[in-house]
Amino acid sequence: MKLLEIKEFIDAKVLCGEEHLKREVAYACACDLMSEVLRLADKDMVLITGLTNIHVLKTAEMANIRTLIFVWGKLPDDTLVQEAKELDMVVLSTELPMYECCGILYKKGLGEPLEP
């Protein structure tokens, strides 16, 4: 699924990386516990989270996740957005709660269940 489609499905704002919205992703991980993100990370994955601190960006970088989606209308600070730009990442923010964001993307065909 293209990031542009994801942006439209969840009515998200692009905080950085608009030039990369044609990228394809295959999976999503919705989690606020970064140790679980590291355990579940896979290529072509989108991280959906309600956390906006710099640890989210560092975790994504270590896990080769190139797209972050912040839910509940949360916005990260400028430092995170600037660092994400430097890493060629896409950062989106949606007003949707995490559960609804995940439901919409799953219903539209994003991802397959990951092995626990």
Foldseek 3Di string as FASTA:
>chain_A
DFQVVLCVLQVKDWLDLPVRRRDAAAEEDEDPDLVVCLVQQDPRYEYEYQDQDLVVVVSCVVSVNQEYEHELQDDHDPVNSVVSNVVSGIYIYGNHDSVVSVVSCVVVPHYDDTDD
